[in-house]
């Protein structure tokens, strides 16, 4: 008896991917999942959007165990502009695999594969660029806590078709 594919690893024929999955392949990349979802939407003749969520850099030794630049304003600047910035650069360029790799390699996103799925979906559905709506950190939302020591980055991006 065949089971229905729900984008989980299986050995059944996956209608979204259109090929047989092997038990040796145990995980989908975010980009592959986004592309598969876009193909499924296309086959069904539907309109759809993809929503994804990931925090950006979780910075600080107290809660996150990640503080390569120490604490204070310079560490905050590095986390937001350099570490988050490199990830967001890939996201805005619609580079799904690059965003996933960057997020995992430098800890700039805790869910980079979710972002990669949304990027790949949007690109497959015709998006040509990402637009950054806002990029902040938890410290910027609550600076009363003193010098930046432990904080998380957040950004909102929308993918659009220009032209």
N, C-alpha and C. Protein backbone atom coordinates (compact mmCIF):
# COMPACT_ATOMS: atom_id res chain seq x y z
N UNK A 1 0.84 -1.18 0.00
CA UNK A 1 0.00 0.00 0.00
C UNK A 1 0.88 1.24 0.00
N UNK A 2 0.55 2.19 -0.85
CA UNK A 2 1.31 3.44 -0.92
C UNK A 2 0.77 4.46 0.06
N UNK A 3 1.68 5.19 0.66
CA UNK A 3 1.27 6.30 1.51
C UNK A 3 1.32 7.58 0.71
N UNK A 4 0.60 8.58 1.15
CA UNK A 4 0.62 9.88 0.47
C UNK A 4 1.82 10.68 0.93
N UNK A 5 2.49 11.32 0.01
CA UNK A 5 3.66 12.13 0.34
C UNK A 5 3.22 13.42 1.03
N UNK A 6 3.86 13.71 2.13
CA UNK A 6 3.60 14.98 2.81
C UNK A 6 4.91 15.73 2.98
N UNK A 7 5.78 15.65 1.97
CA UNK A 7 7.08 16.28 1.96
C UNK A 7 7.98 15.74 3.07
N UNK A 8 7.74 14.52 3.48
CA UNK A 8 8.63 13.86 4.42
C UNK A 8 9.39 12.78 3.65
N UNK A 9 10.48 12.38 4.21
CA UNK A 9 11.26 11.33 3.55
C UNK A 9 10.45 10.06 3.49
N UNK A 10 10.42 9.46 2.34
CA UNK A 10 9.64 8.24 2.17
C UNK A 10 10.20 7.48 0.97
N UNK A 11 9.70 6.31 0.76
CA UNK A 11 10.13 5.56 -0.41
C UNK A 11 9.00 5.46 -1.43
N UNK A 12 7.97 6.28 -1.28
CA UNK A 12 6.86 6.26 -2.21
C UNK A 12 7.04 7.31 -3.29
N UNK A 13 6.26 7.20 -4.32
CA UNK A 13 6.34 8.19 -5.39
C UNK A 13 5.76 9.51 -4.89
N UNK A 14 6.53 10.55 -5.00
CA UNK A 14 6.13 11.87 -4.51
C UNK A 14 5.54 12.65 -5.67
N UNK A 15 4.25 13.00 -5.64
CA UNK A 15 3.64 13.71 -6.76
C UNK A 15 4.22 15.10 -6.97
N UNK A 16 4.66 15.74 -5.92
CA UNK A 16 5.23 17.08 -6.07
C UNK A 16 6.58 17.02 -6.78
N UNK A 17 7.38 16.02 -6.48
CA UNK A 17 8.70 15.90 -7.10
C UNK A 17 8.64 15.14 -8.42
N UNK A 18 7.70 14.24 -8.55
CA UNK A 18 7.56 13.50 -9.79
C UNK A 18 8.60 12.41 -9.97
N UNK A 19 9.22 11.94 -8.91
CA UNK A 19 10.18 10.85 -9.01
C UNK A 19 10.17 10.05 -7.72
N UNK A 20 10.76 8.88 -7.77
CA UNK A 20 10.78 8.02 -6.61
C UNK A 20 11.86 8.43 -5.64
N UNK A 21 11.49 8.57 -4.40
CA UNK A 21 12.44 8.95 -3.35
C UNK A 21 13.14 7.70 -2.84
N UNK A 22 14.38 7.83 -2.58
CA UNK A 22 15.16 6.73 -2.05
C UNK A 22 15.29 6.87 -0.55
N UNK A 23 15.31 5.76 0.17
CA UNK A 23 15.52 5.83 1.61
C UNK A 23 16.92 6.33 1.94
N UNK A 24 17.84 6.24 1.00
CA UNK A 24 19.20 6.73 1.24
C UNK A 24 19.23 8.25 1.31
N UNK A 25 18.33 8.89 0.63
CA UNK A 25 18.25 10.36 0.69
C UNK A 25 17.29 10.71 1.81
N UNK A 26 17.83 11.24 2.89
CA UNK A 26 17.02 11.38 4.10
C UNK A 26 16.48 12.76 4.34
N UNK A 27 16.88 13.76 3.59
CA UNK A 27 16.38 15.10 3.87
C UNK A 27 16.25 15.91 2.59
N UNK A 28 15.29 16.75 2.57
CA UNK A 28 15.12 17.69 1.47
C UNK A 28 15.86 18.95 1.82
N UNK A 29 16.45 19.59 0.85
CA UNK A 29 16.99 20.92 1.10
C UNK A 29 15.82 21.90 1.03
N UNK A 30 16.00 23.05 1.64
CA UNK A 30 14.96 24.06 1.56
C UNK A 30 14.66 24.45 0.12
N UNK A 31 15.71 24.61 -0.69
CA UNK A 31 15.51 24.99 -2.08
C UNK A 31 14.70 23.94 -2.83
N UNK A 32 15.00 22.68 -2.62
CA UNK A 32 14.26 21.61 -3.30
C UNK A 32 12.80 21.60 -2.85
N UNK A 33 12.56 21.83 -1.59
CA UNK A 33 11.19 21.85 -1.08
C UNK A 33 10.41 23.02 -1.69
N UNK A 34 11.04 24.19 -1.75
CA UNK A 34 10.38 25.35 -2.35
C UNK A 34 10.06 25.14 -3.81
N UNK A 35 10.99 24.54 -4.55
CA UNK A 35 10.76 24.25 -5.97
C UNK A 35 9.63 23.23 -6.13
N UNK A 36 9.62 22.22 -5.27
CA UNK A 36 8.57 21.20 -5.35
C UNK A 36 7.20 21.81 -5.06
N UNK A 37 7.14 22.68 -4.07
CA UNK A 37 5.88 23.33 -3.74
C UNK A 37 5.40 24.19 -4.90
N UNK A 38 6.31 24.90 -5.54
CA UNK A 38 5.95 25.74 -6.69
C UNK A 38 5.42 24.89 -7.83
N UNK A 39 6.04 23.75 -8.07
CA UNK A 39 5.56 22.85 -9.14
C UNK A 39 4.17 22.32 -8.80
N UNK A 40 3.94 21.99 -7.56
CA UNK A 40 2.63 21.49 -7.14
C UNK A 40 1.56 22.56 -7.34
N UNK A 41 1.85 23.78 -6.97
CA UNK A 41 0.91 24.89 -7.16
C UNK A 41 0.61 25.08 -8.64
N UNK A 42 1.66 25.00 -9.45
CA UNK A 42 1.49 25.15 -10.90
C UNK A 42 0.60 24.04 -11.46
N UNK A 43 0.87 22.80 -11.05
CA UNK A 43 0.07 21.66 -11.54
C UNK A 43 -1.39 21.78 -11.15
N UNK A 44 -1.63 22.33 -9.97
CA UNK A 44 -3.00 22.49 -9.49
C UNK A 44 -3.69 23.72 -10.08
N UNK A 45 -2.92 24.58 -10.76
CA UNK A 45 -3.49 25.78 -11.35
C UNK A 45 -3.94 26.78 -10.31
N UNK A 46 -3.24 26.85 -9.22
CA UNK A 46 -3.63 27.74 -8.12
C UNK A 46 -2.67 28.91 -7.98
N UNK A 47 -3.10 29.91 -7.24
CA UNK A 47 -2.22 31.00 -6.82
C UNK A 47 -1.85 30.73 -5.37
N UNK A 48 -0.65 31.03 -5.02
CA UNK A 48 -0.21 30.78 -3.64
C UNK A 48 0.96 31.68 -3.30
N UNK A 49 1.15 31.88 -2.03
CA UNK A 49 2.34 32.57 -1.52
C UNK A 49 3.02 31.63 -0.54
N UNK A 50 4.29 31.87 -0.33
CA UNK A 50 5.03 31.09 0.67
C UNK A 50 5.43 32.03 1.79
N UNK A 51 5.24 31.58 3.01
CA UNK A 51 5.69 32.30 4.19
C UNK A 51 6.72 31.45 4.89
N UNK A 52 7.80 32.08 5.30
CA UNK A 52 8.84 31.35 6.03
C UNK A 52 9.30 32.22 7.18
N UNK A 53 9.81 31.58 8.19
CA UNK A 53 10.28 32.32 9.34
C UNK A 53 11.60 31.74 9.84
N UNK A 54 12.52 32.63 10.14
CA UNK A 54 13.75 32.26 10.81
C UNK A 54 14.24 33.47 11.58
N UNK A 55 14.71 33.26 12.78
CA UNK A 55 15.43 34.33 13.47
C UNK A 55 16.77 34.47 12.79
N UNK A 56 17.40 35.62 12.97
CA UNK A 56 18.75 35.80 12.46
C UNK A 56 19.72 35.50 13.60
N UNK A 57 20.89 36.11 13.59
CA UNK A 57 21.94 35.78 14.55
C UNK A 57 21.43 35.83 15.99
N UNK A 58 21.63 34.75 16.71
CA UNK A 58 21.40 34.69 18.16
C UNK A 58 22.76 34.98 18.79
N UNK A 59 22.91 36.19 19.31
CA UNK A 59 24.23 36.64 19.77
C UNK A 59 24.27 36.77 21.29
N UNK A 60 25.36 36.31 21.88
CA UNK A 60 25.61 36.52 23.30
C UNK A 60 25.97 35.23 24.01
N UNK A 61 26.85 35.35 24.98
CA UNK A 61 27.32 34.15 25.69
C UNK A 61 26.33 33.67 26.73
N UNK A 62 25.55 34.58 27.28
CA UNK A 62 24.66 34.22 28.38
C UNK A 62 23.58 33.23 27.97
N UNK A 63 22.96 33.43 26.82
CA UNK A 63 21.87 32.56 26.38
C UNK A 63 22.22 31.72 25.16
N UNK A 64 23.08 32.24 24.31
CA UNK A 64 23.27 31.63 23.01
C UNK A 64 24.62 30.96 22.81
N UNK A 65 25.60 31.27 23.64
CA UNK A 65 26.91 30.66 23.50
C UNK A 65 27.63 31.06 22.24
N UNK A 66 27.31 32.23 21.70
CA UNK A 66 27.92 32.71 20.47
C UNK A 66 28.22 34.20 20.63
N UNK A 67 29.48 34.53 20.88
CA UNK A 67 29.85 35.94 21.03
C UNK A 67 31.28 36.20 20.52
N UNK A 68 31.51 35.94 19.23
CA UNK A 68 32.87 36.06 18.70
C UNK A 68 33.44 37.49 18.76
N UNK A 69 32.60 38.49 18.93
CA UNK A 69 33.07 39.88 18.99
C UNK A 69 32.91 40.46 20.39
N UNK A 70 32.70 39.61 21.39
CA UNK A 70 32.55 40.11 22.75
C UNK A 70 31.17 40.71 22.96
N UNK A 71 31.11 41.78 23.74
CA UNK A 71 29.84 42.45 24.03
C UNK A 71 29.98 43.93 23.74
N UNK A 72 28.86 44.62 23.68
CA UNK A 72 28.87 46.05 23.49
C UNK A 72 28.45 46.49 22.10
N UNK A 73 28.52 47.78 21.84
CA UNK A 73 28.05 48.34 20.56
C UNK A 73 28.75 47.76 19.33
N UNK A 74 30.05 47.52 19.40
CA UNK A 74 30.77 46.98 18.24
C UNK A 74 30.32 45.54 17.94
N UNK A 75 30.07 44.76 18.97
CA UNK A 75 29.56 43.40 18.78
C UNK A 75 28.18 43.44 18.15
N UNK A 76 27.35 44.36 18.61
CA UNK A 76 26.00 44.51 18.05
C UNK A 76 26.09 44.90 16.57
N UNK A 77 26.95 45.87 16.25
CA UNK A 77 27.12 46.28 14.86
C UNK A 77 27.57 45.11 13.99
N UNK A 78 28.56 44.34 14.48
CA UNK A 78 29.06 43.19 13.72
C UNK A 78 27.94 42.17 13.49
N UNK A 79 27.22 41.85 14.53
CA UNK A 79 26.15 40.85 14.42
C UNK A 79 25.11 41.26 13.39
N UNK A 80 24.67 42.51 13.47
CA UNK A 80 23.61 42.97 12.58
C UNK A 80 24.12 43.24 11.16
N UNK A 81 25.17 44.05 11.05
CA UNK A 81 25.61 44.48 9.72
C UNK A 81 26.43 43.43 8.98
N UNK A 82 27.31 42.74 9.68
CA UNK A 82 28.19 41.78 9.02
C UNK A 82 27.57 40.39 8.97
N UNK A 83 27.23 39.84 10.12
CA UNK A 83 26.75 38.45 10.13
C UNK A 83 25.34 38.34 9.54
N UNK A 84 24.38 39.09 10.09
CA UNK A 84 23.04 39.09 9.49
C UNK A 84 23.11 39.60 8.06
N UNK A 85 23.91 40.65 7.84
CA UNK A 85 23.98 41.28 6.53
C UNK A 85 24.40 40.33 5.42
N UNK A 86 25.36 39.46 5.70
CA UNK A 86 25.81 38.50 4.68
C UNK A 86 24.69 37.52 4.32
N UNK A 87 23.93 37.08 5.31
CA UNK A 87 22.79 36.19 5.05
C UNK A 87 21.72 36.94 4.25
N UNK A 88 21.37 38.15 4.69
CA UNK A 88 20.33 38.91 4.00
C UNK A 88 20.73 39.27 2.56
N UNK A 89 22.00 39.48 2.34
CA UNK A 89 22.48 39.74 0.98
C UNK A 89 22.12 38.57 0.06
N UNK A 90 22.31 37.34 0.52
CA UNK A 90 21.98 36.16 -0.28
C UNK A 90 20.46 36.05 -0.46
N UNK A 91 19.71 36.35 0.60
CA UNK A 91 18.25 36.29 0.53
C UNK A 91 17.74 37.29 -0.51
N UNK A 92 18.20 38.52 -0.44
CA UNK A 92 17.73 39.56 -1.35
C UNK A 92 18.13 39.28 -2.80
N UNK A 93 19.21 38.54 -2.99
CA UNK A 93 19.65 38.16 -4.34
C UNK A 93 18.94 36.91 -4.85
N UNK A 94 17.99 36.39 -4.08
CA UNK A 94 17.26 35.17 -4.44
C UNK A 94 18.19 33.98 -4.61
N UNK A 95 19.19 33.90 -3.78
CA UNK A 95 20.16 32.80 -3.80
C UNK A 95 19.80 31.82 -2.68
N UNK A 96 18.87 30.92 -2.97
CA UNK A 96 18.35 30.01 -1.95
C UNK A 96 19.45 29.15 -1.34
N UNK A 97 20.24 28.51 -2.19
CA UNK A 97 21.28 27.63 -1.66
C UNK A 97 22.37 28.41 -0.94
N UNK A 98 22.72 29.59 -1.46
CA UNK A 98 23.71 30.43 -0.81
C UNK A 98 23.23 30.91 0.55
N UNK A 99 21.96 31.26 0.66
CA UNK A 99 21.40 31.69 1.94
C UNK A 99 21.43 30.55 2.95
N UNK A 100 21.06 29.36 2.50
CA UNK A 100 21.07 28.20 3.40
C UNK A 100 22.49 27.90 3.87
N UNK A 101 23.43 27.91 2.94
CA UNK A 101 24.82 27.64 3.31
C UNK A 101 25.36 28.70 4.26
N UNK A 102 25.10 29.97 3.96
CA UNK A 102 25.59 31.07 4.79
C UNK A 102 24.97 30.99 6.19
N UNK A 103 23.68 30.79 6.25
CA UNK A 103 23.01 30.73 7.55
C UNK A 103 23.53 29.62 8.44
N UNK A 104 23.82 28.48 7.84
CA UNK A 104 24.33 27.35 8.62
C UNK A 104 25.80 27.53 8.98
N UNK A 105 26.60 28.08 8.06
CA UNK A 105 28.04 28.18 8.28
C UNK A 105 28.41 29.21 9.34
N UNK A 106 27.73 30.36 9.33
CA UNK A 106 28.14 31.41 10.26
C UNK A 106 27.09 31.71 11.34
N UNK A 107 26.12 30.83 11.47
CA UNK A 107 25.09 30.96 12.51
C UNK A 107 24.29 32.25 12.38
N UNK A 108 24.12 32.71 11.16
CA UNK A 108 23.38 33.95 10.94
C UNK A 108 21.88 33.74 10.81
N UNK A 109 21.43 32.49 10.79
CA UNK A 109 19.99 32.19 10.77
C UNK A 109 19.78 30.83 11.42
N UNK A 110 18.75 30.73 12.24
CA UNK A 110 18.52 29.44 12.89
C UNK A 110 17.62 28.54 12.04
N UNK A 111 16.96 29.09 11.04
CA UNK A 111 16.14 28.30 10.13
C UNK A 111 16.44 28.63 8.69
N UNK A 112 17.70 28.53 8.27
CA UNK A 112 18.04 28.96 6.91
C UNK A 112 17.37 28.13 5.82
N UNK A 113 17.05 26.88 6.09
CA UNK A 113 16.40 26.07 5.06
C UNK A 113 14.96 26.54 4.81
N UNK A 114 14.30 27.06 5.84
CA UNK A 114 12.96 27.63 5.64
C UNK A 114 13.04 28.85 4.73
N UNK A 115 14.03 29.70 4.97
CA UNK A 115 14.23 30.86 4.11
C UNK A 115 14.54 30.41 2.68
N UNK A 116 15.37 29.39 2.53
CA UNK A 116 15.72 28.87 1.21
C UNK A 116 14.49 28.35 0.48
N UNK A 117 13.59 27.70 1.20
CA UNK A 117 12.36 27.19 0.59
C UNK A 117 11.51 28.34 0.06
N UNK A 118 11.36 29.39 0.85
CA UNK A 118 10.56 30.54 0.41
C UNK A 118 11.20 31.23 -0.78
N UNK A 119 12.52 31.36 -0.76
CA UNK A 119 13.23 31.98 -1.88
C UNK A 119 13.00 31.17 -3.17
N UNK A 120 13.22 29.87 -3.09
CA UNK A 120 13.08 29.01 -4.27
C UNK A 120 11.65 29.01 -4.78
N UNK A 121 10.69 28.99 -3.87
CA UNK A 121 9.27 29.04 -4.26
C UNK A 121 8.98 30.35 -4.98
N UNK A 122 9.40 31.46 -4.37
CA UNK A 122 9.13 32.77 -4.97
C UNK A 122 9.79 32.90 -6.34
N UNK A 123 11.01 32.45 -6.44
CA UNK A 123 11.73 32.53 -7.71
C UNK A 123 11.05 31.67 -8.78
N UNK A 124 10.64 30.48 -8.41
CA UNK A 124 9.96 29.60 -9.36
C UNK A 124 8.61 30.17 -9.79
N UNK A 125 8.01 30.99 -8.95
CA UNK A 125 6.72 31.60 -9.27
C UNK A 125 6.88 32.98 -9.91
N UNK A 126 8.14 33.36 -10.23
CA UNK A 126 8.36 34.57 -11.02
C UNK A 126 8.99 35.75 -10.30
N UNK A 127 9.29 35.63 -9.03
CA UNK A 127 9.94 36.74 -8.32
C UNK A 127 11.32 36.99 -8.91
N UNK A 128 11.70 38.25 -8.97
CA UNK A 128 12.99 38.61 -9.52
C UNK A 128 13.91 39.28 -8.51
N UNK A 129 13.36 39.69 -7.38
CA UNK A 129 14.21 40.30 -6.35
C UNK A 129 13.53 40.26 -4.99
N UNK A 130 14.37 40.38 -3.98
CA UNK A 130 13.87 40.49 -2.62
C UNK A 130 13.97 41.94 -2.18
N UNK A 131 13.02 42.37 -1.38
CA UNK A 131 13.00 43.74 -0.86
C UNK A 131 13.00 43.65 0.66
N UNK A 132 13.99 44.28 1.28
CA UNK A 132 14.09 44.30 2.73
C UNK A 132 13.14 45.34 3.28
N UNK A 133 12.19 44.91 4.10
CA UNK A 133 11.23 45.83 4.70
C UNK A 133 11.75 46.40 6.01
N UNK A 134 12.38 45.55 6.81
CA UNK A 134 12.95 46.02 8.07
C UNK A 134 13.95 44.99 8.58
N UNK A 135 14.97 45.48 9.29
CA UNK A 135 15.98 44.62 9.91
C UNK A 135 16.33 45.25 11.25
N UNK A 136 16.00 44.55 12.33
CA UNK A 136 16.24 45.06 13.68
C UNK A 136 16.77 43.92 14.56
N UNK A 137 17.18 44.30 15.75
CA UNK A 137 17.55 43.29 16.75
C UNK A 137 16.69 43.49 17.99
N UNK A 138 16.65 42.46 18.80
CA UNK A 138 15.88 42.55 20.04
C UNK A 138 16.43 43.65 20.95
N UNK A 139 17.74 43.89 20.91
CA UNK A 139 18.31 44.96 21.73
C UNK A 139 17.81 46.32 21.26
N UNK A 140 17.68 46.51 19.96
CA UNK A 140 17.18 47.79 19.45
C UNK A 140 15.74 48.04 19.88
N UNK A 141 15.00 47.00 20.09
CA UNK A 141 13.61 47.14 20.54
C UNK A 141 13.51 47.37 22.04
N UNK A 142 14.59 47.05 22.77
CA UNK A 142 14.59 47.23 24.22
C UNK A 142 15.98 47.64 24.71
N UNK A 143 16.46 48.82 24.29
CA UNK A 143 17.81 49.25 24.65
C UNK A 143 17.95 49.62 26.12
N UNK A 144 16.86 49.69 26.84
CA UNK A 144 16.89 50.04 28.26
C UNK A 144 17.64 49.00 29.09
N UNK A 145 17.89 47.84 28.51
CA UNK A 145 18.57 46.76 29.24
C UNK A 145 20.06 47.01 29.37
N UNK A 146 20.55 48.13 28.89
CA UNK A 146 21.98 48.42 28.99
C UNK A 146 22.70 48.10 27.70
N UNK A 147 24.03 47.97 27.81
CA UNK A 147 24.86 47.69 26.63
C UNK A 147 24.45 46.37 26.00
N UNK A 148 24.52 46.28 24.67
CA UNK A 148 24.12 45.03 24.00
C UNK A 148 25.06 43.88 24.37
N UNK A 149 24.45 42.82 24.91
CA UNK A 149 25.21 41.62 25.28
C UNK A 149 24.58 40.36 24.71
N UNK A 150 23.28 40.25 24.79
CA UNK A 150 22.53 39.08 24.31
C UNK A 150 21.33 39.58 23.53
N UNK A 151 21.26 39.22 22.26
CA UNK A 151 20.18 39.72 21.41
C UNK A 151 20.01 38.81 20.20
N UNK A 152 18.92 39.02 19.48
CA UNK A 152 18.58 38.23 18.30
C UNK A 152 18.23 39.19 17.17
N UNK A 153 18.63 38.85 15.95
CA UNK A 153 18.28 39.65 14.79
C UNK A 153 16.98 39.17 14.15
N UNK A 154 16.26 40.13 13.56
CA UNK A 154 15.01 39.83 12.87
C UNK A 154 14.95 40.68 11.60
N UNK A 155 14.36 40.15 10.55
CA UNK A 155 14.18 40.92 9.32
C UNK A 155 12.89 40.48 8.65
N UNK A 156 12.33 41.38 7.88
CA UNK A 156 11.15 41.08 7.05
C UNK A 156 11.54 41.35 5.60
N UNK A 157 11.30 40.37 4.76
CA UNK A 157 11.64 40.45 3.33
C UNK A 157 10.43 40.02 2.53
N UNK A 158 10.19 40.71 1.43
CA UNK A 158 9.15 40.29 0.50
C UNK A 158 9.82 40.08 -0.86
N UNK A 159 9.36 39.08 -1.57
CA UNK A 159 9.90 38.79 -2.90
C UNK A 159 8.91 39.29 -3.94
N UNK A 160 9.43 40.04 -4.92
CA UNK A 160 8.57 40.67 -5.91
C UNK A 160 9.09 40.40 -7.32
N UNK A 161 8.21 40.66 -8.26
CA UNK A 161 8.56 40.57 -9.68
C UNK A 161 8.65 41.99 -10.21
N UNK A 162 9.83 42.38 -10.64
CA UNK A 162 10.02 43.72 -11.21
C UNK A 162 9.95 43.63 -12.72
N UNK A 163 9.37 44.67 -13.31
CA UNK A 163 9.36 44.74 -14.76
C UNK A 163 8.18 44.21 -15.35
